[in-house]
Protein backbone atom coordinates (compact mmCIF):
# COMPACT_ATOMS: atom_id res chain seq x y z
CA MET A 1 17.64 22.31 -20.24
CA ASN A 2 18.71 19.84 -23.43
CA LYS A 3 16.56 17.28 -24.73
CA LYS A 4 18.07 14.57 -22.77
CA GLY A 5 17.42 16.77 -19.65
CA ASN A 6 13.69 17.02 -20.58
CA ASN A 7 12.90 13.50 -21.52
CA LEU A 8 14.71 12.33 -18.08
CA LYS A 9 12.39 14.91 -16.34
CA ARG A 10 9.31 13.32 -18.11
CA ASN A 11 10.24 9.96 -17.50
CA LEU A 12 10.58 10.35 -14.23
CA LYS A 13 7.08 12.25 -13.83
CA ASN A 14 5.38 9.04 -15.52
CA LEU A 15 7.60 6.66 -13.05
CA LEU A 16 6.43 8.64 -10.21
CA MET A 17 2.70 8.82 -11.35
CA PHE A 18 3.03 5.01 -11.33
CA LEU A 19 4.42 4.69 -8.00
CA VAL A 20 1.92 7.00 -6.11
CA CYS A 21 -0.89 5.84 -7.80
CA ILE A 22 -2.01 8.69 -9.49
CA ILE A 23 -5.74 8.41 -11.61
CA PHE A 24 -3.90 8.17 -14.96
CA PHE A 25 -3.80 4.49 -13.91
CA ILE A 26 -7.45 4.05 -12.82
CA CYS A 27 -9.56 2.44 -15.37
CA ILE A 28 -12.44 4.14 -16.81
CA ILE A 29 -15.19 3.03 -15.02
CA PRO A 30 -18.28 4.60 -12.79
CA ILE A 31 -17.51 5.34 -9.15
CA THR A 32 -20.06 6.22 -6.30
CA SER A 33 -20.12 7.01 -2.90
CA ALA A 34 -21.66 3.45 -2.00
CA TYR A 35 -21.03 3.24 1.41
CA ALA A 36 -20.07 6.94 2.40
CA ASP A 37 -22.99 7.74 4.98
CA GLU A 38 -21.53 4.26 6.71
CA THR A 39 -18.38 6.00 8.13
CA LYS A 40 -17.63 6.96 11.85
CA LEU A 41 -15.33 8.48 13.63
CA ILE A 42 -13.47 6.41 16.38
CA LYS A 43 -10.86 7.18 18.81
CA THR A 44 -7.33 5.26 18.77
CA GLN A 45 -4.52 5.95 20.78
CA ASN A 46 -2.90 8.64 18.54
CA GLY A 47 -5.57 10.37 17.11
CA THR A 48 -9.10 9.75 15.63
CA ILE A 49 -9.74 8.07 12.52
CA ASN A 50 -12.56 7.22 10.06
CA ILE A 51 -13.57 3.95 8.86
CA ARG A 52 -16.27 1.95 7.55
CA GLN A 53 -16.99 -1.10 9.25
CA ILE A 54 -19.48 -3.48 7.33
CA GLY A 55 -20.63 -7.10 7.20
CA GLN A 56 -21.98 -9.39 9.88
CA ASP A 57 -21.02 -12.93 9.80
CA GLY A 58 -17.65 -14.72 8.82
CA PRO A 59 -13.83 -13.96 8.78
CA SER A 60 -12.60 -10.62 9.73
CA VAL A 61 -11.16 -8.43 6.50
CA VAL A 62 -9.31 -5.14 6.66
CA PHE A 63 -8.65 -3.16 3.76
CA GLU A 64 -5.95 -0.95 3.24
CA THR A 65 -5.23 1.71 0.36
CA GLY A 66 -2.69 2.84 -1.95
CA TYR A 67 -0.57 5.77 -1.30
CA GLY A 68 -2.80 8.92 -0.74
CA CYS A 69 -5.86 7.37 -0.87
CA PRO A 70 -8.61 8.12 1.49
CA LEU A 71 -11.93 6.26 1.49
CA ILE A 72 -14.03 8.79 -0.37
CA SER A 73 -12.28 11.48 -2.51
CA GLU A 74 -12.91 15.21 -2.45
CA GLU A 75 -15.08 14.34 -5.60
CA ASN A 76 -17.07 11.88 -3.79
CA GLU A 77 -15.42 8.63 -5.09
CA ASP A 78 -15.50 5.68 -3.11
CA ILE A 79 -12.03 3.83 -3.43
CA TRP A 80 -13.36 0.21 -2.56
CA ASN A 81 -16.47 1.11 -4.25
CA GLY A 82 -17.69 -2.45 -5.59
CA ILE A 83 -14.97 -4.18 -3.12
CA GLN A 84 -15.72 -4.01 -0.05
CA GLY A 85 -19.36 -4.35 -0.16
CA VAL A 86 -19.01 -8.00 -1.85
CA ALA A 87 -16.39 -8.99 0.94
CA ALA A 88 -19.05 -7.86 3.70
CA GLN A 89 -21.60 -10.77 2.12
CA TYR A 90 -19.26 -13.29 3.50
CA SER A 91 -17.03 -11.65 6.25
CA LYS A 92 -16.69 -8.84 8.50
CA THR A 93 -15.22 -5.77 6.92
CA ILE A 94 -13.06 -2.56 7.88
CA ALA A 95 -11.82 0.15 6.06
CA TYR A 96 -10.12 3.59 7.03
CA ASP A 97 -8.68 6.62 6.65
CA ARG A 98 -5.28 6.56 7.68
CA PHE A 99 -3.87 9.60 9.89
CA GLY A 100 -3.57 12.54 7.37
CA LEU A 101 -6.48 11.49 4.90
CA GLY A 102 -9.88 12.09 4.44
CA GLU A 103 -11.48 12.16 7.42
CA SER A 104 -9.13 11.21 9.99
CA SER A 105 -7.04 13.72 12.23
CA ASN A 106 -3.19 14.38 11.27
CA ILE A 107 -0.08 13.48 12.72
CA GLY A 108 3.43 14.62 12.59
CA ASN A 109 6.03 13.61 9.83
CA MET A 110 9.57 12.11 11.27
CA PRO A 111 12.45 14.58 10.85
CA SER A 112 13.74 14.84 7.34
CA LEU A 113 16.99 12.73 6.20
CA THR A 114 20.07 14.13 4.69
CA LEU A 115 20.81 14.20 1.22
CA GLU A 116 23.84 11.90 2.16
CA GLY A 117 21.17 9.43 4.03
CA ARG A 118 18.96 9.85 0.98
CA LYS A 119 22.09 8.83 -1.72
CA THR A 120 22.40 5.93 0.57
CA ILE A 121 19.51 4.47 0.47
CA LEU A 122 18.68 4.70 -2.88
CA ALA A 123 22.13 3.51 -3.82
CA GLY A 124 20.81 0.55 -2.20
CA GLY A 125 22.77 1.13 1.24
CA ASP A 126 21.48 0.78 4.81
CA ILE A 127 21.45 3.52 7.11
CA LYS A 128 21.38 3.85 10.78
CA TYR A 129 18.22 4.16 12.74
CA LYS A 130 16.44 2.99 16.01
CA GLN A 131 13.07 0.74 15.51
CA ASN A 132 11.52 2.29 18.50
CA ASP A 133 11.81 5.99 17.17
CA PHE A 134 8.36 4.93 15.03
CA ASN A 135 5.90 4.21 17.74
CA GLY A 136 2.84 5.44 15.30
CA GLN A 137 3.84 9.29 15.91
CA TYR A 138 5.19 9.24 12.25
CA LYS A 139 3.73 8.05 8.45
CA THR A 140 6.36 5.52 8.11
CA ALA A 141 5.45 1.94 7.38
CA GLN A 142 6.46 0.71 10.93
CA ASP A 143 4.20 3.73 12.21
CA LYS A 144 1.28 2.83 9.97
CA ALA A 145 1.10 -0.59 10.95
CA ILE A 146 0.89 0.44 14.69
CA ASN A 147 -1.35 2.62 14.06
CA LEU A 148 -3.77 0.03 12.32
CA HIS A 149 -3.32 -2.20 15.34
CA ASN A 150 -4.44 0.23 17.46
CA LEU A 151 -7.47 0.78 15.22
CA LEU A 152 -8.54 -2.88 15.04
CA SER A 153 -7.76 -3.37 18.72
CA VAL A 154 -10.46 -0.84 19.38
CA SER A 155 -12.92 -1.29 16.25
CA GLY A 156 -14.43 -4.19 17.75
CA LEU A 157 -12.99 -6.66 14.81
CA LYS A 158 -12.31 -9.86 15.94
CA LYS A 159 -8.52 -11.23 15.07
CA PRO A 160 -7.07 -12.70 13.27
CA TYR A 161 -7.57 -10.07 10.62
CA ILE A 162 -7.29 -11.06 6.68
CA LEU A 163 -4.89 -7.73 5.05
CA VAL A 164 -6.59 -6.56 1.77
CA ILE A 165 -4.13 -4.34 0.47
CA HIS A 166 -3.75 -2.07 -2.87
CA SER A 167 -0.19 -0.84 -3.79
CA ILE A 168 2.07 0.74 -1.87
CA GLY A 169 -0.23 -0.88 1.06
CA SER A 170 2.04 -3.46 1.19
CA PHE A 171 4.38 -1.69 3.30
CA THR A 172 1.92 -1.65 6.21
CA ALA A 173 1.30 -5.23 5.54
CA ILE A 174 5.00 -6.75 5.76
CA GLU A 175 5.12 -4.29 9.22
CA PHE A 176 2.05 -5.37 10.74
CA ALA A 177 2.64 -9.08 9.90
CA LYS A 178 6.54 -8.54 11.38
CA MET A 179 5.02 -7.06 14.82
CA TYR A 180 1.70 -8.90 15.12
CA PRO A 181 2.54 -12.48 13.28
CA ASN A 182 -0.17 -14.30 15.40
CA GLU A 183 -2.91 -11.64 14.60
CA VAL A 184 -2.37 -12.38 10.84
CA THR A 185 -4.71 -15.17 8.89
CA ALA A 186 -3.58 -14.07 5.40
CA ILE A 187 -2.54 -11.27 3.14
CA ILE A 188 -4.13 -10.35 -0.34
CA MET A 189 -2.31 -7.61 -2.24
CA LEU A 190 -3.54 -6.12 -4.82
CA ASP A 191 -0.78 -5.07 -7.20
CA GLY A 192 1.31 -4.76 -3.95
CA THR A 193 4.23 -2.72 -4.11
CA PHE A 194 7.65 -4.06 -3.42
CA PRO A 195 10.06 -2.60 -1.16
CA LYS A 196 12.77 -1.94 -3.39
CA ILE A 197 11.11 0.27 -5.80
CA ASN A 198 12.47 3.75 -4.82
CA GLN A 199 16.24 1.94 -5.57
CA GLU A 200 15.02 0.25 -8.72
CA LEU A 201 13.47 3.64 -10.23
CA TYR A 202 16.86 5.45 -9.12
CA LYS A 203 18.83 2.68 -10.81
CA PHE A 204 16.37 2.54 -13.80
CA GLU A 205 16.71 6.34 -14.66
CA ASN A 206 20.16 6.92 -13.19
CA TYR A 207 19.62 10.31 -12.09
CA ASN A 208 21.67 12.66 -10.53
CA ILE A 209 20.70 12.40 -6.65
CA THR A 210 20.10 16.20 -6.19
CA ASP A 211 17.97 16.47 -9.02
CA PHE A 212 16.05 13.04 -8.43
CA THR A 213 15.25 13.86 -4.76
CA ASN A 214 14.27 17.20 -5.39
CA ASN A 215 12.13 15.94 -8.36
CA PHE A 216 10.80 12.96 -6.45
CA ALA A 217 10.13 14.72 -3.37
CA SER A 218 7.22 16.81 -5.00
CA GLU A 219 5.37 14.06 -5.72
CA PHE A 220 4.74 13.24 -2.01
CA THR A 221 3.32 14.83 0.43
CA LYS A 222 3.00 15.34 4.30
CA ALA A 223 -0.51 13.96 4.82
CA ASP A 224 0.42 10.10 4.06
CA GLY A 225 4.49 10.40 4.26
CA THR A 226 7.10 12.46 2.72
CA LEU A 227 9.69 10.95 0.79
CA ASP A 228 11.82 10.23 3.68
CA GLU A 229 9.53 8.47 5.51
CA ILE A 230 8.81 6.56 2.19
CA LEU A 231 12.38 5.61 1.75
CA ILE A 232 12.74 4.52 5.62
CA SER A 233 10.09 2.30 4.84
CA GLY A 234 11.26 0.54 2.42
CA LEU A 235 14.32 -0.05 4.42
CA GLN A 236 11.62 -1.32 7.19
CA CYS A 237 9.98 -3.77 4.88
CA GLN A 238 13.20 -5.29 3.29
CA LYS A 239 14.76 -6.18 6.46
CA ASP A 240 11.36 -7.76 7.52
CA LEU A 241 10.05 -9.29 4.22
CA LYS A 242 10.91 -12.87 6.14
CA ALA A 243 7.79 -11.80 8.08
CA LEU A 244 5.68 -13.10 5.32
CA ASN A 245 7.34 -16.89 5.59
CA ASN A 246 4.91 -18.63 6.63
CA ILE A 247 1.55 -16.52 6.14
CA PRO A 248 -0.62 -17.72 3.18
CA MET A 249 -0.75 -15.24 0.44
CA LEU A 250 -2.65 -13.98 -2.57
CA TYR A 251 -0.90 -11.53 -5.11
CA LEU A 252 -3.35 -10.36 -8.14
CA GLN A 253 -0.82 -8.71 -10.05
CA ALA A 254 -1.84 -6.31 -13.11
CA SER A 255 -1.26 -7.43 -16.56
CA GLU A 256 0.78 -4.56 -17.28
CA THR A 257 2.12 -1.35 -15.75
CA GLY A 258 0.84 0.96 -18.80
CA MET A 259 4.71 2.01 -18.50
CA GLY A 260 5.98 -0.43 -21.13
CA LYS A 261 8.36 -3.85 -21.47
CA GLU A 262 11.27 -2.19 -19.45
CA MET A 263 9.11 -1.07 -16.30
CA ASP A 264 7.11 -4.27 -16.57
CA GLN A 265 9.99 -5.96 -16.34
CA LEU A 266 11.49 -4.29 -13.15
CA TRP A 267 8.11 -4.39 -11.59
CA GLU A 268 8.20 -8.05 -12.34
CA ASN A 269 11.38 -8.57 -10.77
CA GLY A 270 10.98 -6.75 -7.97
CA VAL A 271 7.49 -8.65 -7.25
CA SER A 272 9.45 -12.00 -7.98
CA ASN A 273 11.80 -11.13 -5.15
CA MET A 274 9.50 -10.21 -2.76
CA LEU A 275 7.28 -12.95 -3.22
CA SER A 276 9.95 -15.57 -3.05
CA ASN A 277 10.24 -14.92 0.65
CA CYS A 278 6.54 -16.33 1.08
CA LYS A 279 6.31 -20.24 1.42
CA PHE A 280 2.32 -20.24 0.29
CA CYS A 281 1.57 -17.87 -2.35
CA LYS A 282 -0.70 -17.88 -5.27
CA ARG A 283 -0.06 -15.42 -7.83
CA LEU A 284 -2.64 -14.53 -10.43
CA VAL A 285 -2.29 -11.80 -13.33
CA VAL A 286 -5.83 -10.12 -13.36
CA PRO A 287 -6.50 -9.64 -16.99
CA ASN A 288 -6.98 -6.09 -18.96
CA SER A 289 -5.50 -4.50 -15.84
CA THR A 290 -3.15 -1.84 -14.85
CA HIS A 291 -2.18 -0.84 -11.19
CA TYR A 292 -5.90 -0.42 -10.19
CA VAL A 293 -6.73 -3.87 -10.71
CA TYR A 294 -9.57 -3.96 -8.70
CA LYS A 295 -11.19 -1.10 -10.77
CA CYS A 296 -10.49 -2.32 -13.71
CA ASN A 297 -11.52 -5.68 -13.50
CA PRO A 298 -13.96 -6.09 -10.25
CA GLU A 299 -15.26 -9.55 -10.92
CA PHE A 300 -12.09 -10.81 -11.48
CA VAL A 301 -11.01 -9.65 -8.28
CA ASN A 302 -13.95 -10.17 -6.13
CA ASP A 303 -14.04 -13.92 -7.23
CA GLU A 304 -10.74 -14.46 -6.69
CA ILE A 305 -10.83 -12.55 -3.16
CA LYS A 306 -13.76 -14.89 -2.45
CA THR A 307 -12.31 -18.21 -3.38
CA PHE A 308 -9.09 -17.03 -1.58
CA ILE A 309 -10.80 -16.50 1.95
CA CYS A 310 -13.15 -19.38 1.54
CA GLY A 311 -10.15 -21.41 0.91
CA ILE A 312 -8.01 -20.34 3.90
CA ILE A 313 -11.33 -20.76 6.36
CA LYS A 314 -11.80 -24.12 5.54
CA LYS A 315 -8.44 -25.24 6.22
């Protein structure tokens, strides 16, 4: 492989690490399993889900992790350490493992797209699919939103909900808001991913479609959604961005991607486009942070989440 090819492959690997929330972007701070003993399994329509429900009074707050992130890692690290517990002091909270992650049961994956179908999506085009093909049996954004709704329906947590999401969890939030608009009080995005991220990365590197998809696919897993399920998720959300129109939103953005100025600008443009669909959006940059903003600067994030939620409830 020539030097240019090696550089492209290395750049792609770095970009993929950013997208799928690889540990490189977590700030180096102590992480403990603060609430591991407070999880429990709950039966839902499509399987068993591991949840952690803490807090006694106040609004209902739902935590949605980024791609591939269980509540408790194999290293006994708590993904929401210092965040859910703080929110539980003034609200009733729930966090959970999506199907395929952590202690939750697994479900199937959607049939693979053709190479031509992938190429069409990455080039910014559309492909035909039936929305009713995704009813919670797969791992697209629509499936995940349906399964989250099923979970909340049997959890005892009262609606409406405030959704607190990280990274690509934004896809679930967008679909949830589209399908259940009356059940969403507000959305808080912690460096939430914008729907066209895949197309922008493809355009950014200008890869050969076969090389790109072969390398790209290896960075996704069946556990939390294959490349094709992520691509379909992006299409679903891009079509449904208007669902954010009347929902109050707080967007807490990383001060830098850690990938340089060009990637910073790509992310900025994508986020701005997504948030332009929201009439009531407060957007703040989290000082001294990369993608895991709530681990890099938990005090800032906790303060802003509480201020925003209290402001919403007073209204």
